[in-house]
PDB file of N, CA and C in Angstrom:
ATOM      1  N   MET A   1     100.162 103.082 141.007  1.00  0.00           N
ATOM      2  CA  MET A   1      98.737 103.325 140.992  1.00  0.00           C
ATOM      3  C   MET A   1      98.184 103.068 139.583  1.00  0.00           C
ATOM      4  N   THR A   2      97.054 102.417 139.520  1.00  0.00           N
ATOM      5  CA  THR A   2      96.471 102.096 138.211  1.00  0.00           C
ATOM      6  C   THR A   2      95.443 103.138 137.813  1.00  0.00           C
ATOM      7  N   LYS A   3      95.167 103.176 136.534  1.00  0.00           N
ATOM      8  CA  LYS A   3      94.167 104.121 136.026  1.00  0.00           C
ATOM      9  C   LYS A   3      92.769 103.615 136.350  1.00  0.00           C
ATOM     10  N   ALA A   4      91.838 104.504 136.289  1.00  0.00           N
ATOM     11  CA  ALA A   4      90.441 104.129 136.517  1.00  0.00           C
ATOM     12  C   ALA A   4      89.953 103.268 135.352  1.00  0.00           C
ATOM     13  N   PRO A   5      89.046 102.344 135.602  1.00  0.00           N
ATOM     14  CA  PRO A   5      88.556 101.464 134.531  1.00  0.00           C
ATOM     15  C   PRO A   5      87.939 102.219 133.355  1.00  0.00           C
ATOM     16  N   SER A   6      87.394 103.398 133.590  1.00  0.00           N
ATOM     17  CA  SER A   6      86.764 104.129 132.489  1.00  0.00           C
ATOM     18  C   SER A   6      87.788 104.599 131.463  1.00  0.00           C
ATOM     19  N   HIS A   7      89.054 104.758 131.874  1.00  0.00           N
ATOM     20  CA  HIS A   7      90.078 105.213 130.943  1.00  0.00           C
ATOM     21  C   HIS A   7      90.707 104.054 130.183  1.00  0.00           C
ATOM     22  N   GLN A   8      90.547 102.856 130.689  1.00  0.00           N
ATOM     23  CA  GLN A   8      91.156 101.711 130.026  1.00  0.00           C
ATOM     24  C   GLN A   8      90.314 101.310 128.814  1.00  0.00           C
ATOM     25  N   GLY A   9      90.975 100.990 127.728  1.00  0.00           N
ATOM     26  CA  GLY A   9      90.273 100.486 126.556  1.00  0.00           C
ATOM     27  C   GLY A   9      89.842 101.539 125.563  1.00  0.00           C
ATOM     28  N   ARG A  10      90.012 102.805 125.864  1.00  0.00           N
ATOM     29  CA  ARG A  10      89.600 103.818 124.887  1.00  0.00           C
ATOM     30  C   ARG A  10      90.432 103.728 123.621  1.00  0.00           C
ATOM     31  N   GLY A  11      91.729 103.586 123.774  1.00  0.00           N
ATOM     32  CA  GLY A  11      92.601 103.455 122.607  1.00  0.00           C
ATOM     33  C   GLY A  11      92.307 102.185 121.827  1.00  0.00           C
ATOM     34  N   LEU A  12      91.994 101.116 122.548  1.00  0.00           N
ATOM     35  CA  LEU A  12      91.666  99.866 121.884  1.00  0.00           C
ATOM     36  C   LEU A  12      90.385  99.997 121.087  1.00  0.00           C
ATOM     37  N   ARG A  13      89.406 100.655 121.646  1.00  0.00           N
ATOM     38  CA  ARG A  13      88.153 100.846 120.934  1.00  0.00           C
ATOM     39  C   ARG A  13      88.372 101.646 119.652  1.00  0.00           C
ATOM     40  N   ARG A  14      89.178 102.675 119.754  1.00  0.00           N
ATOM     41  CA  ARG A  14      89.442 103.511 118.585  1.00  0.00           C
ATOM     42  C   ARG A  14      90.186 102.713 117.512  1.00  0.00           C
ATOM     43  N   SER A  15      91.186 101.919 117.907  1.00  0.00           N
ATOM     44  CA  SER A  15      91.928 101.143 116.911  1.00  0.00           C
ATOM     45  C   SER A  15      91.040 100.058 116.311  1.00  0.00           C
ATOM     46  N   ARG A  16      90.118  99.527 117.078  1.00  0.00           N
ATOM     47  CA  ARG A  16      89.204  98.526 116.555  1.00  0.00           C
ATOM     48  C   ARG A  16      88.279  99.150 115.518  1.00  0.00           C
ATOM     49  N   ASP A  17      87.835 100.378 115.761  1.00  0.00           N
ATOM     50  CA  ASP A  17      86.997 101.071 114.790  1.00  0.00           C
ATOM     51  C   ASP A  17      87.763 101.317 113.501  1.00  0.00           C
ATOM     52  N   ILE A  18      89.025 101.720 113.625  1.00  0.00           N
ATOM     53  CA  ILE A  18      89.840 101.979 112.437  1.00  0.00           C
ATOM     54  C   ILE A  18      90.065 100.687 111.664  1.00  0.00           C
ATOM     55  N   SER A  19      90.328  99.591 112.356  1.00  0.00           N
ATOM     56  CA  SER A  19      90.548  98.334 111.655  1.00  0.00           C
ATOM     57  C   SER A  19      89.258  97.859 110.994  1.00  0.00           C
ATOM     58  N   GLY A  20      88.115  98.104 111.613  1.00  0.00           N
ATOM     59  CA  GLY A  20      86.841  97.776 110.980  1.00  0.00           C
ATOM     60  C   GLY A  20      86.620  98.601 109.730  1.00  0.00           C
ATOM     61  N   TYR A  21      86.975  99.871 109.797  1.00  0.00           N
ATOM     62  CA  TYR A  21      86.868 100.750 108.633  1.00  0.00           C
ATOM     63  C   TYR A  21      87.796 100.272 107.524  1.00  0.00           C
ATOM     64  N   ALA A  22      89.006  99.875 107.893  1.00  0.00           N
ATOM     65  CA  ALA A  22      89.960  99.371 106.900  1.00  0.00           C
ATOM     66  C   ALA A  22      89.448  98.081 106.278  1.00  0.00           C
ATOM     67  N   TRP A  23      88.813  97.232 107.076  1.00  0.00           N
ATOM     68  CA  TRP A  23      88.269  95.980 106.553  1.00  0.00           C
ATOM     69  C   TRP A  23      87.153  96.264 105.559  1.00  0.00           C
ATOM     70  N   ILE A  24      86.279  97.210 105.893  1.00  0.00           N
ATOM     71  CA  ILE A  24      85.192  97.571 104.982  1.00  0.00           C
ATOM     72  C   ILE A  24      85.756  98.152 103.688  1.00  0.00           C
ATOM     73  N   MET A  25      86.739  99.039 103.807  1.00  0.00           N
ATOM     74  CA  MET A  25      87.344  99.630 102.613  1.00  0.00           C
ATOM     75  C   MET A  25      88.056  98.563 101.784  1.00  0.00           C
ATOM     76  N   GLY A  26      88.692  97.611 102.447  1.00  0.00           N
ATOM     77  CA  GLY A  26      89.367  96.533 101.731  1.00  0.00           C
ATOM     78  C   GLY A  26      88.394  95.678 100.947  1.00  0.00           C
ATOM     79  N   THR A  27      87.275  95.331 101.563  1.00  0.00           N
ATOM     80  CA  THR A  27      86.286  94.526 100.848  1.00  0.00           C
ATOM     81  C   THR A  27      85.672  95.320  99.702  1.00  0.00           C
ATOM     82  N   MET A  28      85.459  96.613  99.910  1.00  0.00           N
ATOM     83  CA  MET A  28      84.922  97.436  98.825  1.00  0.00           C
ATOM     84  C   MET A  28      85.912  97.511  97.665  1.00  0.00           C
ATOM     85  N   LEU A  29      87.200  97.643  97.974  1.00  0.00           N
ATOM     86  CA  LEU A  29      88.205  97.696  96.908  1.00  0.00           C
ATOM     87  C   LEU A  29      88.293  96.373  96.162  1.00  0.00           C
ATOM     88  N   ILE A  30      88.174  95.270  96.883  1.00  0.00           N
ATOM     89  CA  ILE A  30      88.202  93.958  96.227  1.00  0.00           C
ATOM     90  C   ILE A  30      86.994  93.804  95.310  1.00  0.00           C
ATOM     91  N   GLU A  31      85.814  94.218  95.780  1.00  0.00           N
ATOM     92  CA  GLU A  31      84.620  94.127  94.943  1.00  0.00           C
ATOM     93  C   GLU A  31      84.731  95.028  93.722  1.00  0.00           C
ATOM     94  N   LEU A  32      85.265  96.223  93.904  1.00  0.00           N
ATOM     95  CA  LEU A  32      85.445  97.144  92.786  1.00  0.00           C
ATOM     96  C   LEU A  32      86.441  96.570  91.780  1.00  0.00           C
ATOM     97  N   PHE A  33      87.529  95.999  92.269  1.00  0.00           N
ATOM     98  CA  PHE A  33      88.521  95.395  91.383  1.00  0.00           C
ATOM     99  C   PHE A  33      87.918  94.228  90.605  1.00  0.00           C
ATOM    100  N   SER A  34      87.126  93.392  91.274  1.00  0.00           N
ATOM    101  CA  SER A  34      86.524  92.254  90.577  1.00  0.00           C
ATOM    102  C   SER A  34      85.512  92.722  89.540  1.00  0.00           C
ATOM    103  N   LEU A  35      84.775  93.786  89.845  1.00  0.00           N
ATOM    104  CA  LEU A  35      83.827  94.334  88.874  1.00  0.00           C
ATOM    105  C   LEU A  35      84.564  94.872  87.651  1.00  0.00           C
ATOM    106  N   ILE A  36      85.653  95.595  87.869  1.00  0.00           N
ATOM    107  CA  ILE A  36      86.450  96.114  86.754  1.00  0.00           C
ATOM    108  C   ILE A  36      87.038  94.963  85.943  1.00  0.00           C
ATOM    109  N   LEU A  37      87.472  93.920  86.619  1.00  0.00           N
ATOM    110  CA  LEU A  37      88.037  92.759  85.934  1.00  0.00           C
ATOM    111  C   LEU A  37      86.987  92.072  85.065  1.00  0.00           C
ATOM    112  N   ILE A  38      85.785  91.909  85.592  1.00  0.00           N
ATOM    113  CA  ILE A  38      84.704  91.277  84.833  1.00  0.00           C
ATOM    114  C   ILE A  38      84.330  92.128  83.628  1.00  0.00           C
ATOM    115  N   LEU A  39      84.191  93.439  83.824  1.00  0.00           N
ATOM    116  CA  LEU A  39      83.845  94.323  82.706  1.00  0.00           C
ATOM    117  C   LEU A  39      84.949  94.330  81.650  1.00  0.00           C
ATOM    118  N   GLY A  40      86.193  94.304  82.077  1.00  0.00           N
ATOM    119  CA  GLY A  40      87.300  94.243  81.121  1.00  0.00           C
ATOM    120  C   GLY A  40      87.288  92.951  80.324  1.00  0.00           C
ATOM    121  N   ALA A  41      86.991  91.850  80.984  1.00  0.00           N
ATOM    122  CA  ALA A  41      86.919  90.566  80.279  1.00  0.00           C
ATOM    123  C   ALA A  41      85.778  90.573  79.269  1.00  0.00           C
ATOM    124  N   LEU A  42      84.645  91.144  79.653  1.00  0.00           N
ATOM    125  CA  LEU A  42      83.523  91.242  78.712  1.00  0.00           C
ATOM    126  C   LEU A  42      83.871  92.131  77.529  1.00  0.00           C
ATOM    127  N   ALA A  43      84.605  93.201  77.769  1.00  0.00           N
ATOM    128  CA  ALA A  43      84.999  94.104  76.687  1.00  0.00           C
ATOM    129  C   ALA A  43      85.918  93.401  75.693  1.00  0.00           C
ATOM    130  N   VAL A  44      86.642  92.389  76.137  1.00  0.00           N
ATOM    131  CA  VAL A  44      87.518  91.640  75.235  1.00  0.00           C
ATOM    132  C   VAL A  44      86.759  90.494  74.571  1.00  0.00           C
ATOM    133  N   VAL A  45      85.948  89.785  75.334  1.00  0.00           N
ATOM    134  CA  VAL A  45      85.312  88.565  74.834  1.00  0.00           C
ATOM    135  C   VAL A  45      84.134  88.868  73.908  1.00  0.00           C
ATOM    136  N   LEU A  46      83.318  89.856  74.235  1.00  0.00           N
ATOM    137  CA  LEU A  46      82.134  90.125  73.416  1.00  0.00           C
ATOM    138  C   LEU A  46      82.467  90.494  71.974  1.00  0.00           C
ATOM    139  N   PRO A  47      83.390  91.409  71.707  1.00  0.00           N
ATOM    140  CA  PRO A  47      83.707  91.684  70.295  1.00  0.00           C
ATOM    141  C   PRO A  47      84.258  90.465  69.553  1.00  0.00           C
ATOM    142  N   MET A  48      85.034  89.636  70.252  1.00  0.00           N
ATOM    143  CA  MET A  48      85.547  88.420  69.614  1.00  0.00           C
ATOM    144  C   MET A  48      84.401  87.475  69.275  1.00  0.00           C
ATOM    145  N   ALA A  49      83.453  87.321  70.180  1.00  0.00           N
ATOM    146  CA  ALA A  49      82.309  86.444  69.936  1.00  0.00           C
ATOM    147  C   ALA A  49      81.450  86.986  68.796  1.00  0.00           C
ATOM    148  N   ILE A  50      81.277  88.287  68.736  1.00  0.00           N
ATOM    149  CA  ILE A  50      80.488  88.889  67.656  1.00  0.00           C
ATOM    150  C   ILE A  50      81.161  88.625  66.314  1.00  0.00           C
ATOM    151  N   ARG A  51      82.487  88.772  66.255  1.00  0.00           N
ATOM    152  CA  ARG A  51      83.214  88.496  65.005  1.00  0.00           C
ATOM    153  C   ARG A  51      83.068  87.037  64.594  1.00  0.00           C
ATOM    154  N   VAL A  52      83.167  86.121  65.552  1.00  0.00           N
ATOM    155  CA  VAL A  52      83.072  84.692  65.243  1.00  0.00           C
ATOM    156  C   VAL A  52      81.697  84.361  64.694  1.00  0.00           C
ATOM    157  N   PHE A  53      80.642  84.853  65.334  1.00  0.00           N
ATOM    158  CA  PHE A  53      79.298  84.523  64.871  1.00  0.00           C
ATOM    159  C   PHE A  53      78.965  85.215  63.561  1.00  0.00           C
ATOM    160  N   ARG A  54      79.503  86.398  63.303  1.00  0.00           N
ATOM    161  CA  ARG A  54      79.290  87.057  62.006  1.00  0.00           C
ATOM    162  C   ARG A  54      79.978  86.274  60.897  1.00  0.00           C
ATOM    163  N   ASN A  55      81.179  85.774  61.169  1.00  0.00           N
ATOM    164  CA  ASN A  55      81.892  84.985  60.164  1.00  0.00           C
ATOM    165  C   ASN A  55      81.159  83.686  59.868  1.00  0.00           C
ATOM    166  N   ARG A  56      80.534  83.074  60.849  1.00  0.00           N
ATOM    167  CA  ARG A  56      79.776  81.840  60.618  1.00  0.00           C
ATOM    168  C   ARG A  56      78.542  82.121  59.771  1.00  0.00           C
ATOM    169  N   ASP A  57      77.905  83.259  59.990  1.00  0.00           N
ATOM    170  CA  ASP A  57      76.701  83.588  59.223  1.00  0.00           C
ATOM    171  C   ASP A  57      77.029  83.892  57.766  1.00  0.00           C
ATOM    172  N   ASP A  58      78.216  84.406  57.490  1.00  0.00           N
ATOM    173  CA  ASP A  58      78.595  84.756  56.121  1.00  0.00           C
ATOM    174  C   ASP A  58      78.874  83.528  55.267  1.00  0.00           C
ATOM    175  N   ARG A  59      79.239  82.422  55.874  1.00  0.00           N
ATOM    176  CA  ARG A  59      79.599  81.221  55.101  1.00  0.00           C
ATOM    177  C   ARG A  59      78.409  80.490  54.595  1.00  0.00           C
TER     178      ARG A  59
END
């Protein structure tokens, strides 16, 4: 005997919601990581650029 159609797919719907949540969290983590990477690169490059331009002005 098979189950009623209303009972079929409930588990699938729930797992689909969880995978959608995981996808959203994954994209948010990737965006956060890229933002941290960009800010870290700026923290390294800006002081170097400031030193270079100050040295050029002194000459």
